[in-house]
C-alpha atoms as a PDB file:
ATOM      1  CA  MET A   1     102.253 169.512  95.767  1.00  0.00           C
ATOM      2  CA  THR A   2     102.887 165.790  95.804  1.00  0.00           C
ATOM      3  CA  THR A   3     100.800 163.240  97.582  1.00  0.00           C
ATOM      4  CA  PRO A   4     102.763 160.782  99.743  1.00  0.00           C
ATOM      5  CA  VAL A   5     102.568 157.187  98.520  1.00  0.00           C
ATOM      6  CA  CYS A   6     102.060 154.440 101.061  1.00  0.00           C
ATOM      7  CA  THR A   7     104.483 151.571 100.496  1.00  0.00           C
ATOM      8  CA  SER A   8     104.319 148.213 102.188  1.00  0.00           C
ATOM      9  CA  ALA A   9     107.157 149.158 104.555  1.00  0.00           C
ATOM     10  CA  SER A  10     105.494 152.410 105.622  1.00  0.00           C
ATOM     11  CA  ARG A  11     102.113 150.716 105.810  1.00  0.00           C
ATOM     12  CA  ALA A  12     103.444 148.281 108.390  1.00  0.00           C
ATOM     13  CA  ALA A  13     104.771 151.148 110.517  1.00  0.00           C
ATOM     14  CA  VAL A  14     101.326 152.740 110.785  1.00  0.00           C
ATOM     15  CA  PRO A  15      99.740 152.234 114.232  1.00  0.00           C
ATOM     16  CA  VAL A  16      97.253 149.414 114.426  1.00  0.00           C
ATOM     17  CA  PRO A  17      93.736 150.746 113.785  1.00  0.00           C
ATOM     18  CA  PRO A  18      91.179 150.073 116.513  1.00  0.00           C
ATOM     19  CA  SER A  19      89.071 147.972 114.113  1.00  0.00           C
ATOM     20  CA  TYR A  20      91.873 145.392 114.028  1.00  0.00           C
ATOM     21  CA  GLY A  21      92.240 145.263 117.824  1.00  0.00           C
ATOM     22  CA  ALA A  22      90.489 141.884 117.976  1.00  0.00           C
ATOM     23  CA  ASP A  23      92.775 140.406 115.341  1.00  0.00           C
ATOM     24  CA  ALA A  24      95.875 139.469 117.336  1.00  0.00           C
ATOM     25  CA  ARG A  25      97.592 138.108 114.261  1.00  0.00           C
ATOM     26  CA  TYR A  26      97.521 141.501 112.556  1.00  0.00           C
ATOM     27  CA  ALA A  27      99.119 143.093 115.605  1.00  0.00           C
ATOM     28  CA  THR A  28     101.817 140.401 115.573  1.00  0.00           C
ATOM     29  CA  TYR A  29     102.629 140.778 111.883  1.00  0.00           C
ATOM     30  CA  ALA A  30     102.199 144.553 111.707  1.00  0.00           C
ATOM     31  CA  ARG A  31     105.493 145.012 113.538  1.00  0.00           C
ATOM     32  CA  TYR A  32     107.487 143.395 110.694  1.00  0.00           C
ATOM     33  CA  SER A  33     108.398 146.671 109.081  1.00  0.00           C
ATOM     34  CA  SER A  34     111.489 145.165 107.495  1.00  0.00           C
ATOM     35  CA  PHE A  35     112.617 141.844 106.142  1.00  0.00           C
ATOM     36  CA  SER A  36     115.365 141.490 108.738  1.00  0.00           C
ATOM     37  CA  SER A  37     112.939 141.954 111.644  1.00  0.00           C
ATOM     38  CA  TYR A  38     110.712 139.261 110.141  1.00  0.00           C
ATOM     39  CA  VAL A  39     113.613 136.816 109.793  1.00  0.00           C
ATOM     40  CA  ARG A  40     114.799 137.486 113.360  1.00  0.00           C
ATOM     41  CA  ALA A  41     111.330 136.894 114.776  1.00  0.00           C
ATOM     42  CA  ARG A  42     110.140 133.971 112.651  1.00  0.00           C
ATOM     43  CA  GLY A  43     113.424 132.270 111.671  1.00  0.00           C
ATOM     44  CA  PRO A  44     113.363 129.498 114.308  1.00  0.00           C
ATOM     45  CA  VAL A  45     109.779 128.520 113.453  1.00  0.00           C
ATOM     46  CA  LEU A  46     110.552 128.470 109.733  1.00  0.00           C
ATOM     47  CA  LEU A  47     113.706 126.434 110.338  1.00  0.00           C
ATOM     48  CA  ARG A  48     111.616 123.778 112.097  1.00  0.00           C
ATOM     49  CA  THR A  49     109.385 123.650 109.012  1.00  0.00           C
ATOM     50  CA  ALA A  50     112.442 123.281 106.774  1.00  0.00           C
ATOM     51  CA  ARG A  51     113.784 120.482 108.986  1.00  0.00           C
ATOM     52  CA  SER A  52     110.514 118.624 108.602  1.00  0.00           C
ATOM     53  CA  LEU A  53     111.068 118.625 104.835  1.00  0.00           C
ATOM     54  CA  THR A  54     114.651 117.342 104.874  1.00  0.00           C
ATOM     55  CA  ALA A  55     116.544 114.663 106.733  1.00  0.00           C
ATOM     56  CA  ASN A  56     119.756 116.637 107.101  1.00  0.00           C
ATOM     57  CA  PRO A  57     119.932 119.797 109.300  1.00  0.00           C
ATOM     58  CA  SER A  58     122.428 121.416 106.923  1.00  0.00           C
ATOM     59  CA  ASP A  59     120.088 120.820 103.983  1.00  0.00           C
ATOM     60  CA  ALA A  60     117.266 122.365 106.030  1.00  0.00           C
ATOM     61  CA  GLU A  61     119.320 125.528 106.578  1.00  0.00           C
ATOM     62  CA  ASP A  62     120.124 125.717 102.861  1.00  0.00           C
ATOM     63  CA  LEU A  63     116.472 125.184 102.011  1.00  0.00           C
ATOM     64  CA  LEU A  64     115.400 127.977 104.378  1.00  0.00           C
ATOM     65  CA  GLN A  65     118.043 130.314 102.941  1.00  0.00           C
ATOM     66  CA  THR A  66     116.718 129.700  99.431  1.00  0.00           C
ATOM     67  CA  ALA A  67     113.107 130.267 100.506  1.00  0.00           C
ATOM     68  CA  LEU A  68     114.033 133.459 102.383  1.00  0.00           C
ATOM     69  CA  THR A  69     115.915 134.707  99.334  1.00  0.00           C
ATOM     70  CA  LYS A  70     112.781 134.233  97.247  1.00  0.00           C
ATOM     71  CA  THR A  71     110.779 136.053  99.923  1.00  0.00           C
ATOM     72  CA  TYR A  72     113.247 138.940 100.004  1.00  0.00           C
ATOM     73  CA  VAL A  73     113.001 139.356  96.229  1.00  0.00           C
ATOM     74  CA  ALA A  74     109.195 139.493  96.470  1.00  0.00           C
ATOM     75  CA  TRP A  75     109.071 141.524  99.718  1.00  0.00           C
ATOM     76  CA  GLU A  76     107.699 144.704  98.115  1.00  0.00           C
ATOM     77  CA  ARG A  77     105.034 142.786  96.185  1.00  0.00           C
ATOM     78  CA  ILE A  78     103.613 140.995  99.233  1.00  0.00           C
ATOM     79  CA  GLU A  79     100.650 143.124 100.150  1.00  0.00           C
ATOM     80  CA  ASP A  80      99.440 141.272 103.219  1.00  0.00           C
ATOM     81  CA  HIS A  81     102.334 140.782 105.606  1.00  0.00           C
ATOM     82  CA  ARG A  82     100.057 138.677 107.776  1.00  0.00           C
ATOM     83  CA  ALA A  83     100.546 135.933 105.159  1.00  0.00           C
ATOM     84  CA  LEU A  84     104.345 135.964 105.219  1.00  0.00           C
ATOM     85  CA  ASP A  85     104.667 132.592 106.953  1.00  0.00           C
ATOM     86  CA  GLY A  86     102.426 131.019 104.335  1.00  0.00           C
ATOM     87  CA  TYR A  87     104.463 132.596 101.555  1.00  0.00           C
ATOM     88  CA  VAL A  88     107.749 131.297 103.010  1.00  0.00           C
ATOM     89  CA  ARG A  89     106.300 127.833 103.646  1.00  0.00           C
ATOM     90  CA  ARG A  90     105.097 127.675 100.037  1.00  0.00           C
ATOM     91  CA  ALA A  91     108.592 128.726  98.891  1.00  0.00           C
ATOM     92  CA  LEU A  92     110.099 126.002 101.105  1.00  0.00           C
ATOM     93  CA  LEU A  93     107.817 123.352  99.678  1.00  0.00           C
ATOM     94  CA  ASN A  94     108.300 124.440  96.053  1.00  0.00           C
ATOM     95  CA  THR A  95     112.075 124.566  96.451  1.00  0.00           C
ATOM     96  CA  ARG A  96     112.192 121.125  98.047  1.00  0.00           C
ATOM     97  CA  THR A  97     109.970 119.698  95.321  1.00  0.00           C
ATOM     98  CA  SER A  98     112.324 121.113  92.691  1.00  0.00           C
ATOM     99  CA  GLN A  99     115.266 119.509  94.490  1.00  0.00           C
ATOM    100  CA  TRP A 100     113.518 116.126  94.493  1.00  0.00           C
ATOM    101  CA  ARG A 101     112.860 116.388  90.781  1.00  0.00           C
ATOM    102  CA  LYS A 102     116.447 117.336  89.987  1.00  0.00           C
ATOM    103  CA  ARG A 103     117.947 114.662  92.208  1.00  0.00           C
ATOM    104  CA  LYS A 104     120.188 112.316  90.215  1.00  0.00           C
ATOM    105  CA  VAL A 105     122.057 109.971  92.512  1.00  0.00           C
ATOM    106  CA  ASP A 106     122.341 110.032  96.255  1.00  0.00           C
ATOM    107  CA  GLU A 107     125.716 109.241  97.716  1.00  0.00           C
ATOM    108  CA  PHE A 108     125.885 107.395 100.983  1.00  0.00           C
ATOM    109  CA  ALA A 109     128.903 107.063 103.223  1.00  0.00           C
ATOM    110  CA  CYS A 110     129.691 103.529 104.285  1.00  0.00           C
ATOM    111  CA  ASP A 111     132.306 101.871 106.453  1.00  0.00           C
ATOM    112  CA  GLU A 112     133.515  99.430 103.812  1.00  0.00           C
ATOM    113  CA  MET A 113     133.909  99.583 100.086  1.00  0.00           C
ATOM    114  CA  PRO A 114     131.383  97.297  98.418  1.00  0.00           C
ATOM    115  CA  GLU A 115     132.877  94.368  96.599  1.00  0.00           C
ATOM    116  CA  PRO A 116     132.544  94.731  92.832  1.00  0.00           C
ATOM    117  CA  ASP A 117     130.400  92.179  91.084  1.00  0.00           C
ATOM    118  CA  VAL A 118     132.799  89.677  89.629  1.00  0.00           C
ATOM    119  CA  VAL A 119     131.701  88.546  86.222  1.00  0.00           C
ATOM    120  CA  PRO A 120     133.563  85.407  85.316  1.00  0.00           C
ATOM    121  CA  ALA A 121     135.587  85.917  82.163  1.00  0.00           C
ATOM    122  CA  PRO A 122     134.857  83.371  79.473  1.00  0.00           C
ATOM    123  CA  ASP A 123     137.505  80.739  79.081  1.00  0.00           C
ATOM    124  CA  PRO A 124     139.557  81.522  75.930  1.00  0.00           C
ATOM    125  CA  ALA A 125     139.998  77.817  75.221  1.00  0.00           C
ATOM    126  CA  GLU A 126     136.229  77.253  75.285  1.00  0.00           C
ATOM    127  CA  GLN A 127     135.654  80.260  73.049  1.00  0.00           C
ATOM    128  CA  GLN A 128     138.173  78.988  70.524  1.00  0.00           C
ATOM    129  CA  ALA A 129     136.623  75.508  70.612  1.00  0.00           C
ATOM    130  CA  LEU A 130     133.209  77.068  69.951  1.00  0.00           C
ATOM    131  CA  ARG A 131     134.538  79.131  67.012  1.00  0.00           C
ATOM    132  CA  ASP A 132     136.185  76.017  65.539  1.00  0.00           C
ATOM    133  CA  ALA A 133     132.957  74.004  65.888  1.00  0.00           C
ATOM    134  CA  MET A 134     130.955  76.794  64.266  1.00  0.00           C
ATOM    135  CA  TRP A 135     133.374  77.009  61.340  1.00  0.00           C
ATOM    136  CA  ARG A 136     133.259  73.235  60.807  1.00  0.00           C
ATOM    137  CA  ALA A 137     129.421  73.414  60.776  1.00  0.00           C
ATOM    138  CA  VAL A 138     129.509  76.291  58.255  1.00  0.00           C
ATOM    139  CA  MET A 139     131.874  74.281  56.040  1.00  0.00           C
ATOM    140  CA  LYS A 140     129.255  71.472  55.903  1.00  0.00           C
ATOM    141  CA  LEU A 141     126.721  73.811  54.253  1.00  0.00           C
ATOM    142  CA  PRO A 142     126.180  73.737  50.472  1.00  0.00           C
ATOM    143  CA  ASP A 143     128.486  76.149  48.594  1.00  0.00           C
ATOM    144  CA  ARG A 144     125.852  78.797  47.849  1.00  0.00           C
ATOM    145  CA  GLN A 145     124.449  78.883  51.429  1.00  0.00           C
ATOM    146  CA  ARG A 146     127.979  78.850  52.883  1.00  0.00           C
ATOM    147  CA  ALA A 147     128.944  81.835  50.690  1.00  0.00           C
ATOM    148  CA  MET A 148     125.879  83.788  51.835  1.00  0.00           C
ATOM    149  CA  VAL A 149     126.445  82.984  55.536  1.00  0.00           C
ATOM    150  CA  VAL A 150     130.121  83.932  55.303  1.00  0.00           C
ATOM    151  CA  LEU A 151     129.334  87.241  53.565  1.00  0.00           C
ATOM    152  CA  ARG A 152     126.469  88.079  55.955  1.00  0.00           C
ATOM    153  CA  TYR A 153     127.951  87.060  59.311  1.00  0.00           C
ATOM    154  CA  TYR A 154     131.716  86.751  58.904  1.00  0.00           C
ATOM    155  CA  GLU A 155     132.200  89.674  56.501  1.00  0.00           C
ATOM    156  CA  ASP A 156     129.284  91.624  58.049  1.00  0.00           C
ATOM    157  CA  LEU A 157     127.677  92.655  54.740  1.00  0.00           C
ATOM    158  CA  SER A 158     124.023  93.646  54.534  1.00  0.00           C
ATOM    159  CA  GLU A 159     121.515  91.495  52.659  1.00  0.00           C
ATOM    160  CA  ALA A 160     121.559  93.954  49.747  1.00  0.00           C
ATOM    161  CA  GLN A 161     125.372  93.962  49.599  1.00  0.00           C
ATOM    162  CA  THR A 162     125.474  90.152  49.736  1.00  0.00           C
ATOM    163  CA  ALA A 163     122.923  89.958  46.916  1.00  0.00           C
ATOM    164  CA  GLU A 164     124.972  92.395  44.828  1.00  0.00           C
ATOM    165  CA  VAL A 165     128.253  90.487  45.376  1.00  0.00           C
ATOM    166  CA  LEU A 166     126.646  87.151  44.420  1.00  0.00           C
ATOM    167  CA  GLY A 167     124.458  88.569  41.634  1.00  0.00           C
ATOM    168  CA  VAL A 168     121.172  87.335  43.121  1.00  0.00           C
ATOM    169  CA  SER A 169     118.063  89.007  44.520  1.00  0.00           C
ATOM    170  CA  VAL A 170     117.728  90.110  48.146  1.00  0.00           C
ATOM    171  CA  GLY A 171     114.871  87.617  48.594  1.00  0.00           C
ATOM    172  CA  THR A 172     117.148  84.780  47.492  1.00  0.00           C
ATOM    173  CA  VAL A 173     119.726  85.842  50.082  1.00  0.00           C
ATOM    174  CA  LYS A 174     117.090  85.993  52.818  1.00  0.00           C
ATOM    175  CA  SER A 175     115.662  82.557  52.099  1.00  0.00           C
ATOM    176  CA  ALA A 176     119.045  80.868  51.607  1.00  0.00           C
ATOM    177  CA  VAL A 177     120.471  82.355  54.826  1.00  0.00           C
ATOM    178  CA  SER A 178     117.332  81.332  56.725  1.00  0.00           C
ATOM    179  CA  ARG A 179     117.671  77.712  55.511  1.00  0.00           C
ATOM    180  CA  ALA A 180     121.401  77.735  56.338  1.00  0.00           C
ATOM    181  CA  LEU A 181     120.755  78.982  59.904  1.00  0.00           C
ATOM    182  CA  GLY A 182     118.166  76.219  60.313  1.00  0.00           C
ATOM    183  CA  LYS A 183     120.782  73.618  59.332  1.00  0.00           C
ATOM    184  CA  LEU A 184     123.306  75.136  61.733  1.00  0.00           C
ATOM    185  CA  ARG A 185     120.787  74.914  64.589  1.00  0.00           C
ATOM    186  CA  GLU A 186     120.346  71.207  63.881  1.00  0.00           C
ATOM    187  CA  ASP A 187     124.083  70.439  63.725  1.00  0.00           C
ATOM    188  CA  SER A 188     124.963  67.970  66.490  1.00  0.00           C
ATOM    189  CA  GLU A 189     128.434  69.451  66.992  1.00  0.00           C
ATOM    190  CA  LEU A 190     126.823  72.758  68.089  1.00  0.00           C
ATOM    191  CA  ALA A 191     124.384  71.094  70.533  1.00  0.00           C
ATOM    192  CA  PRO A 192     126.267  72.297  73.688  1.00  0.00           C
ATOM    193  CA  VAL A 193     125.834  75.911  72.523  1.00  0.00           C
ATOM    194  CA  ARG A 194     122.047  75.725  72.586  1.00  0.00           C
END
């Protein structure tokens, strides 16, 4: 002979015991024998809660749907059906918090397209004049410093590669390039660049 097992659905269908007569909330929640009856009865109240968490009514409906889905999955594990509203509200809040954390970029509709920031293009003539002035200043450097500056900045070699090409130490390259850059900073033809 098997003993009948009391599940949460059958437990809710049991008549309210007299000891709970004073607890009106138990009588209210005891009638939710199924998930669908709970959603029909409490849906509008829960939707108001969802709307308080979002600015858009459509987002509030989506949020409530997600929270109710989580509740449906856990329906058999919820022992106290008097706490269903609290469970759904917690699901609403947790879901909304997750949405805030995942939010990347909000898109906003506007009446007019914003004007793109116009960055003035540099004048090609000015750029060429600057390159010519820089080259003339480099040509004024002593031969050894000029060779190191050309290899480092025009040929884009590393300090070690420059040292290897010229047959000198890396320290020599560093000090010579540093002195050469100092002379270039002092060149009067490059004064407008500073």
